[in-house]
């Protein structure tokens, strides 16, 4: 028997991971990052809710005071506008008719025509 030696055949070992393993690692990493971000967001929201700037009675008191100030300033502005309107009317009547509002009120509307 004669032994014939054949040339050695190289064995190739593929050391690159399969594509599904890479995809699984990427998806797991992204999921972990998203979960940590969601937990941080939830924690900060919860912390802000516990730390209220104003209590409800304080907010109600501020709102009531605001309404009072606004209604008082509206009434003062209305009175001021009415006084200005009366002054303008007085001047217009004096220039057109030559009489004051008091004279017209006393004599009635028949003298204006």
PDB file of N, CA and C in Angstrom:
ATOM      1  N   UNK A   1       0.795  -1.162   0.000  1.00  0.00           N
ATOM      2  CA  UNK A   1       0.000   0.000   0.000  1.00  0.00           C
ATOM      3  C   UNK A   1       0.845   1.235   0.000  1.00  0.00           C
ATOM      4  N   UNK A   2       0.393   1.996  -0.779  1.00  0.00           N
ATOM      5  CA  UNK A   2       1.114   3.225  -0.949  1.00  0.00           C
ATOM      6  C   UNK A   2       0.235   4.382  -0.460  1.00  0.00           C
ATOM      7  N   UNK A   3       0.804   5.149   0.380  1.00  0.00           N
ATOM      8  CA  UNK A   3       0.056   6.310   0.894  1.00  0.00           C
ATOM      9  C   UNK A   3       0.417   7.540   0.092  1.00  0.00           C
ATOM     10  N   UNK A   4      -0.603   8.153  -0.435  1.00  0.00           N
ATOM     11  CA  UNK A   4      -0.388   9.374  -1.201  1.00  0.00           C
ATOM     12  C   UNK A   4      -0.833  10.523  -0.314  1.00  0.00           C
ATOM     13  N   UNK A   5       0.077  11.397  -0.149  1.00  0.00           N
ATOM     14  CA  UNK A   5      -0.265  12.559   0.681  1.00  0.00           C
ATOM     15  C   UNK A   5      -0.893  13.636  -0.199  1.00  0.00           C
ATOM     16  N   UNK A   6      -2.043  14.080   0.224  1.00  0.00           N
ATOM     17  CA  UNK A   6      -2.696  15.182  -0.477  1.00  0.00           C
ATOM     18  C   UNK A   6      -2.311  16.484   0.225  1.00  0.00           C
ATOM     19  N   UNK A   7      -2.330  17.555  -0.521  1.00  0.00           N
ATOM     20  CA  UNK A   7      -1.972  18.823   0.122  1.00  0.00           C
ATOM     21  C   UNK A   7      -3.000  19.168   1.211  1.00  0.00           C
ATOM     22  N   UNK A   8      -2.565  19.839   2.261  1.00  0.00           N
ATOM     23  CA  UNK A   8      -3.498  20.168   3.348  1.00  0.00           C
ATOM     24  C   UNK A   8      -4.555  21.171   2.894  1.00  0.00           C
ATOM     25  N   UNK A   9      -5.769  20.943   3.304  1.00  0.00           N
ATOM     26  CA  UNK A   9      -6.893  21.826   2.973  1.00  0.00           C
ATOM     27  C   UNK A   9      -7.062  22.792   4.147  1.00  0.00           C
ATOM     28  N   UNK A  10      -6.996  24.097   3.879  1.00  0.00           N
ATOM     29  CA  UNK A  10      -7.147  25.044   4.994  1.00  0.00           C
ATOM     30  C   UNK A  10      -8.589  25.048   5.517  1.00  0.00           C
ATOM     31  N   UNK A  11      -8.708  25.106   6.805  1.00  0.00           N
ATOM     32  CA  UNK A  11     -10.024  25.182   7.440  1.00  0.00           C
ATOM     33  C   UNK A  11     -10.262  26.652   7.785  1.00  0.00           C
ATOM     34  N   UNK A  12     -11.368  27.189   7.292  1.00  0.00           N
ATOM     35  CA  UNK A  12     -11.708  28.592   7.520  1.00  0.00           C
ATOM     36  C   UNK A  12     -12.740  28.644   8.641  1.00  0.00           C
ATOM     37  N   UNK A  13     -12.399  29.358   9.704  1.00  0.00           N
ATOM     38  CA  UNK A  13     -13.335  29.539  10.815  1.00  0.00           C
ATOM     39  C   UNK A  13     -13.863  30.972  10.717  1.00  0.00           C
ATOM     40  N   UNK A  14     -15.181  31.086  10.578  1.00  0.00           N
ATOM     41  CA  UNK A  14     -15.832  32.402  10.464  1.00  0.00           C
ATOM     42  C   UNK A  14     -16.034  32.954  11.872  1.00  0.00           C
ATOM     43  N   UNK A  15     -15.291  34.000  12.209  1.00  0.00           N
ATOM     44  CA  UNK A  15     -15.376  34.575  13.549  1.00  0.00           C
ATOM     45  C   UNK A  15     -16.336  35.766  13.611  1.00  0.00           C
ATOM     46  N   UNK A  16     -16.941  36.166  12.531  1.00  0.00           N
ATOM     47  CA  UNK A  16     -17.913  37.257  12.568  1.00  0.00           C
ATOM     48  C   UNK A  16     -19.242  36.699  13.048  1.00  0.00           C
ATOM     49  N   UNK A  17     -19.900  37.428  13.980  1.00  0.00           N
ATOM     50  CA  UNK A  17     -21.177  36.918  14.486  1.00  0.00           C
ATOM     51  C   UNK A  17     -22.252  36.976  13.402  1.00  0.00           C
ATOM     52  N   UNK A  18     -23.239  36.180  13.590  1.00  0.00           N
ATOM     53  CA  UNK A  18     -24.324  36.153  12.615  1.00  0.00           C
ATOM     54  C   UNK A  18     -25.131  37.441  12.716  1.00  0.00           C
ATOM     55  N   UNK A  19     -25.819  37.785  11.647  1.00  0.00           N
ATOM     56  CA  UNK A  19     -26.538  39.059  11.578  1.00  0.00           C
ATOM     57  C   UNK A  19     -27.671  39.130  12.594  1.00  0.00           C
ATOM     58  N   UNK A  20     -28.333  38.062  12.892  1.00  0.00           N
ATOM     59  CA  UNK A  20     -29.446  38.108  13.837  1.00  0.00           C
ATOM     60  C   UNK A  20     -28.946  38.395  15.246  1.00  0.00           C
ATOM     61  N   UNK A  21     -27.719  37.979  15.559  1.00  0.00           N
ATOM     62  CA  UNK A  21     -27.161  38.286  16.880  1.00  0.00           C
ATOM     63  C   UNK A  21     -26.871  39.785  16.976  1.00  0.00           C
ATOM     64  N   UNK A  22     -26.330  40.356  15.915  1.00  0.00           N
ATOM     65  CA  UNK A  22     -26.057  41.800  15.900  1.00  0.00           C
ATOM     66  C   UNK A  22     -27.363  42.581  16.032  1.00  0.00           C
ATOM     67  N   UNK A  23     -28.384  42.184  15.309  1.00  0.00           N
ATOM     68  CA  UNK A  23     -29.684  42.866  15.382  1.00  0.00           C
ATOM     69  C   UNK A  23     -30.263  42.757  16.785  1.00  0.00           C
ATOM     70  N   UNK A  24     -30.150  41.607  17.410  1.00  0.00           N
ATOM     71  CA  UNK A  24     -30.671  41.407  18.763  1.00  0.00           C
ATOM     72  C   UNK A  24     -29.951  42.306  19.763  1.00  0.00           C
ATOM     73  N   UNK A  25     -28.638  42.420  19.653  1.00  0.00           N
ATOM     74  CA  UNK A  25     -27.869  43.275  20.561  1.00  0.00           C
ATOM     75  C   UNK A  25     -28.244  44.745  20.358  1.00  0.00           C
ATOM     76  N   UNK A  26     -28.411  45.179  19.117  1.00  0.00           N
ATOM     77  CA  UNK A  26     -28.781  46.572  18.842  1.00  0.00           C
ATOM     78  C   UNK A  26     -30.166  46.874  19.395  1.00  0.00           C
ATOM     79  N   UNK A  27     -31.118  45.995  19.161  1.00  0.00           N
ATOM     80  CA  UNK A  27     -32.485  46.210  19.661  1.00  0.00           C
ATOM     81  C   UNK A  27     -32.505  46.240  21.180  1.00  0.00           C
ATOM     82  N   UNK A  28     -31.770  45.345  21.825  1.00  0.00           N
ATOM     83  CA  UNK A  28     -31.719  45.325  23.289  1.00  0.00           C
ATOM     84  C   UNK A  28     -31.091  46.608  23.825  1.00  0.00           C
ATOM     85  N   UNK A  29     -30.043  47.087  23.192  1.00  0.00           N
ATOM     86  CA  UNK A  29     -29.384  48.320  23.643  1.00  0.00           C
ATOM     87  C   UNK A  29     -30.309  49.525  23.507  1.00  0.00           C
ATOM     88  N   UNK A  30     -30.977  49.626  22.372  1.00  0.00           N
ATOM     89  CA  UNK A  30     -31.910  50.737  22.162  1.00  0.00           C
ATOM     90  C   UNK A  30     -33.054  50.668  23.166  1.00  0.00           C
ATOM     91  N   UNK A  31     -33.550  49.476  23.439  1.00  0.00           N
ATOM     92  CA  UNK A  31     -34.636  49.313  24.410  1.00  0.00           C
ATOM     93  C   UNK A  31     -34.196  49.753  25.799  1.00  0.00           C
ATOM     94  N   UNK A  32     -33.000  49.390  26.203  1.00  0.00           N
ATOM     95  CA  UNK A  32     -32.500  49.786  27.523  1.00  0.00           C
ATOM     96  C   UNK A  32     -32.365  51.303  27.607  1.00  0.00           C
ATOM     97  N   UNK A  33     -31.829  51.927  26.570  1.00  0.00           N
ATOM     98  CA  UNK A  33     -31.674  53.383  26.574  1.00  0.00           C
ATOM     99  C   UNK A  33     -33.037  54.063  26.648  1.00  0.00           C
ATOM    100  N   UNK A  34     -34.005  53.580  25.890  1.00  0.00           N
ATOM    101  CA  UNK A  34     -35.353  54.167  25.927  1.00  0.00           C
ATOM    102  C   UNK A  34     -36.005  53.989  27.290  1.00  0.00           C
ATOM    103  N   UNK A  35     -35.853  52.847  27.896  1.00  0.00           N
ATOM    104  CA  UNK A  35     -36.456  52.605  29.211  1.00  0.00           C
ATOM    105  C   UNK A  35     -35.824  53.500  30.278  1.00  0.00           C
ATOM    106  N   UNK A  36     -34.513  53.661  30.239  1.00  0.00           N
ATOM    107  CA  UNK A  36     -33.848  54.542  31.208  1.00  0.00           C
ATOM    108  C   UNK A  36     -34.318  55.984  31.001  1.00  0.00           C
ATOM    109  N   UNK A  37     -34.446  56.419  29.756  1.00  0.00           N
ATOM    110  CA  UNK A  37     -34.944  57.762  29.479  1.00  0.00           C
ATOM    111  C   UNK A  37     -36.371  57.955  29.957  1.00  0.00           C
ATOM    112  N   UNK A  38     -37.222  56.966  29.734  1.00  0.00           N
ATOM    113  CA  UNK A  38     -38.618  57.054  30.180  1.00  0.00           C
ATOM    114  C   UNK A  38     -38.698  57.098  31.696  1.00  0.00           C
ATOM    115  N   UNK A  39     -37.877  56.298  32.354  1.00  0.00           N
ATOM    116  CA  UNK A  39     -37.894  56.308  33.825  1.00  0.00           C
ATOM    117  C   UNK A  39     -37.402  57.640  34.365  1.00  0.00           C
ATOM    118  N   UNK A  40     -36.382  58.235  33.750  1.00  0.00           N
ATOM    119  CA  UNK A  40     -35.888  59.542  34.187  1.00  0.00           C
ATOM    120  C   UNK A  40     -36.948  60.611  33.969  1.00  0.00           C
ATOM    121  N   UNK A  41     -37.624  60.578  32.830  1.00  0.00           N
ATOM    122  CA  UNK A  41     -38.693  61.546  32.548  1.00  0.00           C
ATOM    123  C   UNK A  41     -39.830  61.407  33.560  1.00  0.00           C
ATOM    124  N   UNK A  42     -40.238  60.169  33.831  1.00  0.00           N
ATOM    125  CA  UNK A  42     -41.321  59.928  34.785  1.00  0.00           C
ATOM    126  C   UNK A  42     -40.926  60.408  36.176  1.00  0.00           C
ATOM    127  N   UNK A  43     -39.694  60.152  36.572  1.00  0.00           N
ATOM    128  CA  UNK A  43     -39.235  60.549  37.894  1.00  0.00           C
ATOM    129  C   UNK A  43     -39.231  62.069  38.038  1.00  0.00           C
ATOM    130  N   UNK A  44     -38.765  62.790  37.011  1.00  0.00           N
ATOM    131  CA  UNK A  44     -38.754  64.250  37.101  1.00  0.00           C
ATOM    132  C   UNK A  44     -40.171  64.816  37.103  1.00  0.00           C
ATOM    133  N   UNK A  45     -41.074  64.229  36.315  1.00  0.00           N
ATOM    134  CA  UNK A  45     -42.476  64.684  36.317  1.00  0.00           C
ATOM    135  C   UNK A  45     -43.109  64.465  37.684  1.00  0.00           C
ATOM    136  N   UNK A  46     -42.873  63.318  38.284  1.00  0.00           N
ATOM    137  CA  UNK A  46     -43.432  63.001  39.590  1.00  0.00           C
ATOM    138  C   UNK A  46     -42.875  63.960  40.637  1.00  0.00           C
ATOM    139  N   UNK A  47     -41.590  64.266  40.536  1.00  0.00           N
ATOM    140  CA  UNK A  47     -40.960  65.176  41.480  1.00  0.00           C
ATOM    141  C   UNK A  47     -41.548  66.577  41.351  1.00  0.00           C
ATOM    142  N   UNK A  48     -41.802  67.028  40.117  1.00  0.00           N
ATOM    143  CA  UNK A  48     -42.375  68.358  39.905  1.00  0.00           C
ATOM    144  C   UNK A  48     -43.811  68.435  40.408  1.00  0.00           C
ATOM    145  N   UNK A  49     -44.568  67.345  40.287  1.00  0.00           N
ATOM    146  CA  UNK A  49     -45.950  67.349  40.757  1.00  0.00           C
ATOM    147  C   UNK A  49     -46.003  67.440  42.274  1.00  0.00           C
ATOM    148  N   UNK A  50     -45.082  66.804  42.952  1.00  0.00           N
ATOM    149  CA  UNK A  50     -45.068  66.856  44.411  1.00  0.00           C
ATOM    150  C   UNK A  50     -44.669  68.234  44.905  1.00  0.00           C
ATOM    151  N   UNK A  51     -43.874  68.933  44.130  1.00  0.00           N
ATOM    152  CA  UNK A  51     -43.336  70.215  44.541  1.00  0.00           C
ATOM    153  C   UNK A  51     -44.183  71.334  43.944  1.00  0.00           C
ATOM    154  N   UNK A  52     -45.367  71.543  44.481  1.00  0.00           N
ATOM    155  CA  UNK A  52     -46.279  72.550  43.950  1.00  0.00           C
ATOM    156  C   UNK A  52     -45.809  73.944  44.352  1.00  0.00           C
ATOM    157  N   UNK A  53     -45.930  74.865  43.443  1.00  0.00           N
ATOM    158  CA  UNK A  53     -45.513  76.229  43.725  1.00  0.00           C
ATOM    159  C   UNK A  53     -46.508  76.928  44.667  1.00  0.00           C
ATOM    160  N   UNK A  54     -47.783  76.734  44.417  1.00  0.00           N
ATOM    161  CA  UNK A  54     -48.831  77.365  45.219  1.00  0.00           C
ATOM    162  C   UNK A  54     -49.807  76.312  45.707  1.00  0.00           C
ATOM    163  N   UNK A  55     -50.319  76.553  46.888  1.00  0.00           N
ATOM    164  CA  UNK A  55     -51.391  75.675  47.344  1.00  0.00           C
ATOM    165  C   UNK A  55     -52.695  76.163  46.718  1.00  0.00           C
ATOM    166  N   UNK A  56     -53.706  75.331  46.753  1.00  0.00           N
ATOM    167  CA  UNK A  56     -54.985  75.703  46.138  1.00  0.00           C
ATOM    168  C   UNK A  56     -55.599  76.928  46.815  1.00  0.00           C
ATOM    169  N   UNK A  57     -55.602  77.016  48.171  1.00  0.00           N
ATOM    170  CA  UNK A  57     -56.159  78.230  48.791  1.00  0.00           C
ATOM    171  C   UNK A  57     -55.389  79.499  48.412  1.00  0.00           C
ATOM    172  N   UNK A  58     -54.066  79.385  48.296  1.00  0.00           N
ATOM    173  CA  UNK A  58     -53.289  80.559  47.889  1.00  0.00           C
ATOM    174  C   UNK A  58     -53.657  80.997  46.476  1.00  0.00           C
ATOM    175  N   UNK A  59     -53.806  80.038  45.587  1.00  0.00           N
ATOM    176  CA  UNK A  59     -54.180  80.358  44.208  1.00  0.00           C
ATOM    177  C   UNK A  59     -55.569  80.995  44.156  1.00  0.00           C
ATOM    178  N   UNK A  60     -56.499  80.480  44.951  1.00  0.00           N
ATOM    179  CA  UNK A  60     -57.856  81.050  44.991  1.00  0.00           C
ATOM    180  C   UNK A  60     -57.816  82.486  45.524  1.00  0.00           C
ATOM    181  N   UNK A  61     -56.997  82.728  46.549  1.00  0.00           N
ATOM    182  CA  UNK A  61     -56.880  84.064  47.116  1.00  0.00           C
ATOM    183  C   UNK A  61     -56.304  85.041  46.095  1.00  0.00           C
ATOM    184  N   UNK A  62     -55.294  84.607  45.376  1.00  0.00           N
ATOM    185  CA  UNK A  62     -54.693  85.462  44.349  1.00  0.00           C
ATOM    186  C   UNK A  62     -55.703  85.762  43.241  1.00  0.00           C
ATOM    187  N   UNK A  63     -56.460  84.753  42.823  1.00  0.00           N
ATOM    188  CA  UNK A  63     -57.459  84.957  41.769  1.00  0.00           C
ATOM    189  C   UNK A  63     -58.542  85.933  42.226  1.00  0.00           C
ATOM    190  N   UNK A  64     -58.993  85.801  43.461  1.00  0.00           N
ATOM    191  CA  UNK A  64     -60.033  86.695  43.981  1.00  0.00           C
ATOM    192  C   UNK A  64     -59.514  88.135  44.052  1.00  0.00           C
ATOM    193  N   UNK A  65     -58.292  88.307  44.523  1.00  0.00           N
ATOM    194  CA  UNK A  65     -57.707  89.649  44.609  1.00  0.00           C
ATOM    195  C   UNK A  65     -57.554  90.256  43.209  1.00  0.00           C
ATOM    196  N   UNK A  66     -57.152  89.425  42.246  1.00  0.00           N
ATOM    197  CA  UNK A  66     -57.022  89.893  40.865  1.00  0.00           C
ATOM    198  C   UNK A  66     -58.369  90.370  40.336  1.00  0.00           C
ATOM    199  N   UNK A  67     -59.420  89.597  40.604  1.00  0.00           N
ATOM    200  CA  UNK A  67     -60.761  90.004  40.150  1.00  0.00           C
ATOM    201  C   UNK A  67     -61.179  91.323  40.787  1.00  0.00           C
ATOM    202  N   UNK A  68     -60.892  91.487  42.082  1.00  0.00           N
ATOM    203  CA  UNK A  68     -61.248  92.734  42.764  1.00  0.00           C
ATOM    204  C   UNK A  68     -60.523  93.927  42.140  1.00  0.00           C
ATOM    205  N   UNK A  69     -59.236  93.769  41.916  1.00  0.00           N
ATOM    206  CA  UNK A  69     -58.449  94.869  41.347  1.00  0.00           C
ATOM    207  C   UNK A  69     -58.937  95.201  39.946  1.00  0.00           C
ATOM    208  N   UNK A  70     -59.206  94.164  39.148  1.00  0.00           N
ATOM    209  CA  UNK A  70     -59.653  94.409  37.781  1.00  0.00           C
ATOM    210  C   UNK A  70     -61.026  95.072  37.757  1.00  0.00           C
ATOM    211  N   UNK A  71     -61.932  94.646  38.620  1.00  0.00           N
ATOM    212  CA  UNK A  71     -63.258  95.264  38.611  1.00  0.00           C
ATOM    213  C   UNK A  71     -63.183  96.695  39.127  1.00  0.00           C
ATOM    214  N   UNK A  72     -62.329  96.966  40.111  1.00  0.00           N
ATOM    215  CA  UNK A  72     -62.183  98.330  40.624  1.00  0.00           C
ATOM    216  C   UNK A  72     -61.582  99.233  39.552  1.00  0.00           C
ATOM    217  N   UNK A  73     -60.594  98.738  38.843  1.00  0.00           N
ATOM    218  CA  UNK A  73     -59.990  99.574  37.806  1.00  0.00           C
ATOM    219  C   UNK A  73     -60.960  99.777  36.644  1.00  0.00           C
ATOM    220  N   UNK A  74     -61.807  98.779  36.365  1.00  0.00           N
ATOM    221  CA  UNK A  74     -62.808  98.934  35.311  1.00  0.00           C
ATOM    222  C   UNK A  74     -63.829 100.000  35.689  1.00  0.00           C
ATOM    223  N   UNK A  75     -64.238 100.000  36.958  1.00  0.00           N
ATOM    224  CA  UNK A  75     -65.216 101.000  37.393  1.00  0.00           C
ATOM    225  C   UNK A  75     -64.600 102.390  37.369  1.00  0.00           C
ATOM    226  N   UNK A  76     -63.363 102.511  37.794  1.00  0.00           N
ATOM    227  CA  UNK A  76     -62.695 103.816  37.779  1.00  0.00           C
ATOM    228  C   UNK A  76     -62.539 104.305  36.341  1.00  0.00           C
ATOM    229  N   UNK A  77     -62.188 103.397  35.441  1.00  0.00           N
ATOM    230  CA  UNK A  77     -62.043 103.778  34.032  1.00  0.00           C
ATOM    231  C   UNK A  77     -63.392 104.181  33.447  1.00  0.00           C
ATOM    232  N   UNK A  78     -64.454 103.478  33.828  1.00  0.00           N
ATOM    233  CA  UNK A  78     -65.786 103.819  33.325  1.00  0.00           C
ATOM    234  C   UNK A  78     -66.211 105.199  33.829  1.00  0.00           C
ATOM    235  N   UNK A  79     -65.949 105.488  35.099  1.00  0.00           N
ATOM    236  CA  UNK A  79     -66.293 106.808  35.644  1.00  0.00           C
ATOM    237  C   UNK A  79     -65.481 107.908  34.958  1.00  0.00           C
ATOM    238  N   UNK A  80     -64.207 107.629  34.723  1.00  0.00           N
ATOM    239  CA  UNK A  80     -63.352 108.610  34.056  1.00  0.00           C
ATOM    240  C   UNK A  80     -63.843 108.862  32.632  1.00  0.00           C
ATOM    241  N   UNK A  81     -64.198 107.787  31.919  1.00  0.00           N
ATOM    242  CA  UNK A  81     -64.712 107.940  30.551  1.00  0.00           C
ATOM    243  C   UNK A  81     -66.030 108.706  30.540  1.00  0.00           C
ATOM    244  N   UNK A  82     -66.878 108.446  31.528  1.00  0.00           N
ATOM    245  CA  UNK A  82     -68.158 109.161  31.609  1.00  0.00           C
ATOM    246  C   UNK A  82     -67.923 110.650  31.861  1.00  0.00           C
ATOM    247  N   UNK A  83     -66.971 110.983  32.732  1.00  0.00           N
ATOM    248  CA  UNK A  83     -66.663 112.394  33.011  1.00  0.00           C
ATOM    249  C   UNK A  83     -66.124 113.077  31.758  1.00  0.00           C
ATOM    250  N   UNK A  84     -65.241 112.381  31.037  1.00  0.00           N
ATOM    251  CA  UNK A  84     -64.692 112.956  29.803  1.00  0.00           C
ATOM    252  C   UNK A  84     -65.807 113.175  28.782  1.00  0.00           C
ATOM    253  N   UNK A  85     -66.714 112.203  28.670  1.00  0.00           N
ATOM    254  CA  UNK A  85     -67.833 112.337  27.730  1.00  0.00           C
ATOM    255  C   UNK A  85     -68.725 113.510  28.113  1.00  0.00           C
ATOM    256  N   UNK A  86     -68.982 113.680  29.404  1.00  0.00           N
ATOM    257  CA  UNK A  86     -69.805 114.805  29.862  1.00  0.00           C
ATOM    258  C   UNK A  86     -69.120 116.140  29.548  1.00  0.00           C
ATOM    259  N   UNK A  87     -67.807 116.193  29.754  1.00  0.00           N
ATOM    260  CA  UNK A  87     -67.074 117.434  29.451  1.00  0.00           C
ATOM    261  C   UNK A  87     -67.126 117.759  27.959  1.00  0.00           C
ATOM    262  N   UNK A  88     -66.949 116.733  27.122  1.00  0.00           N
ATOM    263  CA  UNK A  88     -67.012 116.947  25.673  1.00  0.00           C
ATOM    264  C   UNK A  88     -68.406 117.411  25.268  1.00  0.00           C
ATOM    265  N   UNK A  89     -69.435 116.785  25.827  1.00  0.00           N
ATOM    266  CA  UNK A  89     -70.810 117.183  25.528  1.00  0.00           C
ATOM    267  C   UNK A  89     -71.067 118.617  25.974  1.00  0.00           C
ATOM    268  N   UNK A  90     -70.575 118.956  27.154  1.00  0.00           N
ATOM    269  CA  UNK A  90     -70.748 120.322  27.676  1.00  0.00           C
ATOM    270  C   UNK A  90     -70.126 121.346  26.720  1.00  0.00           C
ATOM    271  N   UNK A  91     -68.901 121.076  26.285  1.00  0.00           N
ATOM    272  CA  UNK A  91     -68.220 122.014  25.386  1.00  0.00           C
ATOM    273  C   UNK A  91     -68.929 122.104  24.043  1.00  0.00           C
ATOM    274  N   UNK A  92     -69.405 120.969  23.540  1.00  0.00           N
ATOM    275  CA  UNK A  92     -70.089 120.972  22.250  1.00  0.00           C
ATOM    276  C   UNK A  92     -71.399 121.748  22.339  1.00  0.00           C
ATOM    277  N   UNK A  93     -72.153 121.538  23.414  1.00  0.00           N
ATOM    278  CA  UNK A  93     -73.415 122.272  23.573  1.00  0.00           C
ATOM    279  C   UNK A  93     -73.173 123.767  23.738  1.00  0.00           C
ATOM    280  N   UNK A  94     -72.139 124.108  24.475  1.00  0.00           N
ATOM    281  CA  UNK A  94     -71.856 125.536  24.658  1.00  0.00           C
ATOM    282  C   UNK A  94     -71.449 126.191  23.343  1.00  0.00           C
ATOM    283  N   UNK A  95     -70.720 125.448  22.510  1.00  0.00           N
ATOM    284  CA  UNK A  95     -70.302 126.052  21.243  1.00  0.00           C
ATOM    285  C   UNK A  95     -71.459 126.119  20.246  1.00  0.00           C
ATOM    286  N   UNK A  96     -72.340 125.117  20.238  1.00  0.00           N
ATOM    287  CA  UNK A  96     -73.440 125.101  19.271  1.00  0.00           C
ATOM    288  C   UNK A  96     -74.616 125.953  19.724  1.00  0.00           C
ATOM    289  N   UNK A  97     -75.068 125.737  20.930  1.00  0.00           N
ATOM    290  CA  UNK A  97     -76.295 126.379  21.402  1.00  0.00           C
ATOM    291  C   UNK A  97     -75.995 127.615  22.233  1.00  0.00           C
ATOM    292  N   UNK A  98     -74.858 127.594  22.893  1.00  0.00           N
ATOM    293  CA  UNK A  98     -74.534 128.706  23.772  1.00  0.00           C
ATOM    294  C   UNK A  98     -75.135 128.517  25.149  1.00  0.00           C
ATOM    295  N   UNK A  99     -75.536 127.304  25.480  1.00  0.00           N
ATOM    296  CA  UNK A  99     -76.118 127.038  26.794  1.00  0.00           C
ATOM    297  C   UNK A  99     -75.359 125.892  27.439  1.00  0.00           C
ATOM    298  N   UNK A 100     -75.424 125.830  28.741  1.00  0.00           N
ATOM    299  CA  UNK A 100     -74.764 124.738  29.453  1.00  0.00           C
ATOM    300  C   UNK A 100     -75.751 123.594  29.647  1.00  0.00           C
ATOM    301  N   UNK A 101     -75.256 122.453  30.091  1.00  0.00           N
ATOM    302  CA  UNK A 101     -76.116 121.286  30.320  1.00  0.00           C
ATOM    303  C   UNK A 101     -77.132 121.580  31.408  1.00  0.00           C
ATOM    304  N   UNK A 102     -76.727 122.322  32.400  1.00  0.00           N
ATOM    305  CA  UNK A 102     -77.647 122.639  33.498  1.00  0.00           C
ATOM    306  C   UNK A 102     -78.820 123.463  32.972  1.00  0.00           C
ATOM    307  N   UNK A 103     -78.542 124.446  32.108  1.00  0.00           N
ATOM    308  CA  UNK A 103     -79.616 125.256  31.532  1.00  0.00           C
ATOM    309  C   UNK A 103     -80.557 124.400  30.697  1.00  0.00           C
ATOM    310  N   UNK A 104     -79.997 123.456  29.918  1.00  0.00           N
ATOM    311  CA  UNK A 104     -80.818 122.609  29.056  1.00  0.00           C
ATOM    312  C   UNK A 104     -81.672 121.673  29.891  1.00  0.00           C
ATOM    313  N   UNK A 105     -81.103 121.120  30.963  1.00  0.00           N
ATOM    314  CA  UNK A 105     -81.871 120.215  31.822  1.00  0.00           C
ATOM    315  C   UNK A 105     -83.042 120.957  32.470  1.00  0.00           C
ATOM    316  N   UNK A 106     -82.813 122.196  32.856  1.00  0.00           N
ATOM    317  CA  UNK A 106     -83.870 122.946  33.524  1.00  0.00           C
ATOM    318  C   UNK A 106     -84.974 123.352  32.554  1.00  0.00           C
ATOM    319  N   UNK A 107     -84.605 123.702  31.332  1.00  0.00           N
ATOM    320  CA  UNK A 107     -85.614 124.181  30.400  1.00  0.00           C
ATOM    321  C   UNK A 107     -86.294 123.048  29.646  1.00  0.00           C
ATOM    322  N   UNK A 108     -85.669 121.871  29.570  1.00  0.00           N
ATOM    323  CA  UNK A 108     -86.283 120.744  28.881  1.00  0.00           C
ATOM    324  C   UNK A 108     -85.831 120.666  27.441  1.00  0.00           C
ATOM    325  N   UNK A 109     -86.237 119.614  26.730  1.00  0.00           N
ATOM    326  CA  UNK A 109     -85.769 119.394  25.361  1.00  0.00           C
ATOM    327  C   UNK A 109     -86.431 120.304  24.332  1.00  0.00           C
ATOM    328  N   UNK A 110     -87.461 121.049  24.651  1.00  0.00           N
ATOM    329  CA  UNK A 110     -88.159 121.860  23.655  1.00  0.00           C
ATOM    330  C   UNK A 110     -87.320 123.050  23.185  1.00  0.00           C
ATOM    331  N   UNK A 111     -86.396 123.553  23.977  1.00  0.00           N
ATOM    332  CA  UNK A 111     -85.599 124.719  23.600  1.00  0.00           C
ATOM    333  C   UNK A 111     -84.480 124.387  22.618  1.00  0.00           C
ATOM    334  N   UNK A 112     -84.152 123.118  22.450  1.00  0.00           N
ATOM    335  CA  UNK A 112     -83.049 122.748  21.571  1.00  0.00           C
ATOM    336  C   UNK A 112     -83.437 122.826  20.106  1.00  0.00           C
ATOM    337  N   UNK A 113     -84.699 122.718  19.768  1.00  0.00           N
ATOM    338  CA  UNK A 113     -85.123 122.667  18.372  1.00  0.00           C
ATOM    339  C   UNK A 113     -85.194 123.999  17.756  1.00  0.00           C
TER     340      UNK A 113
END
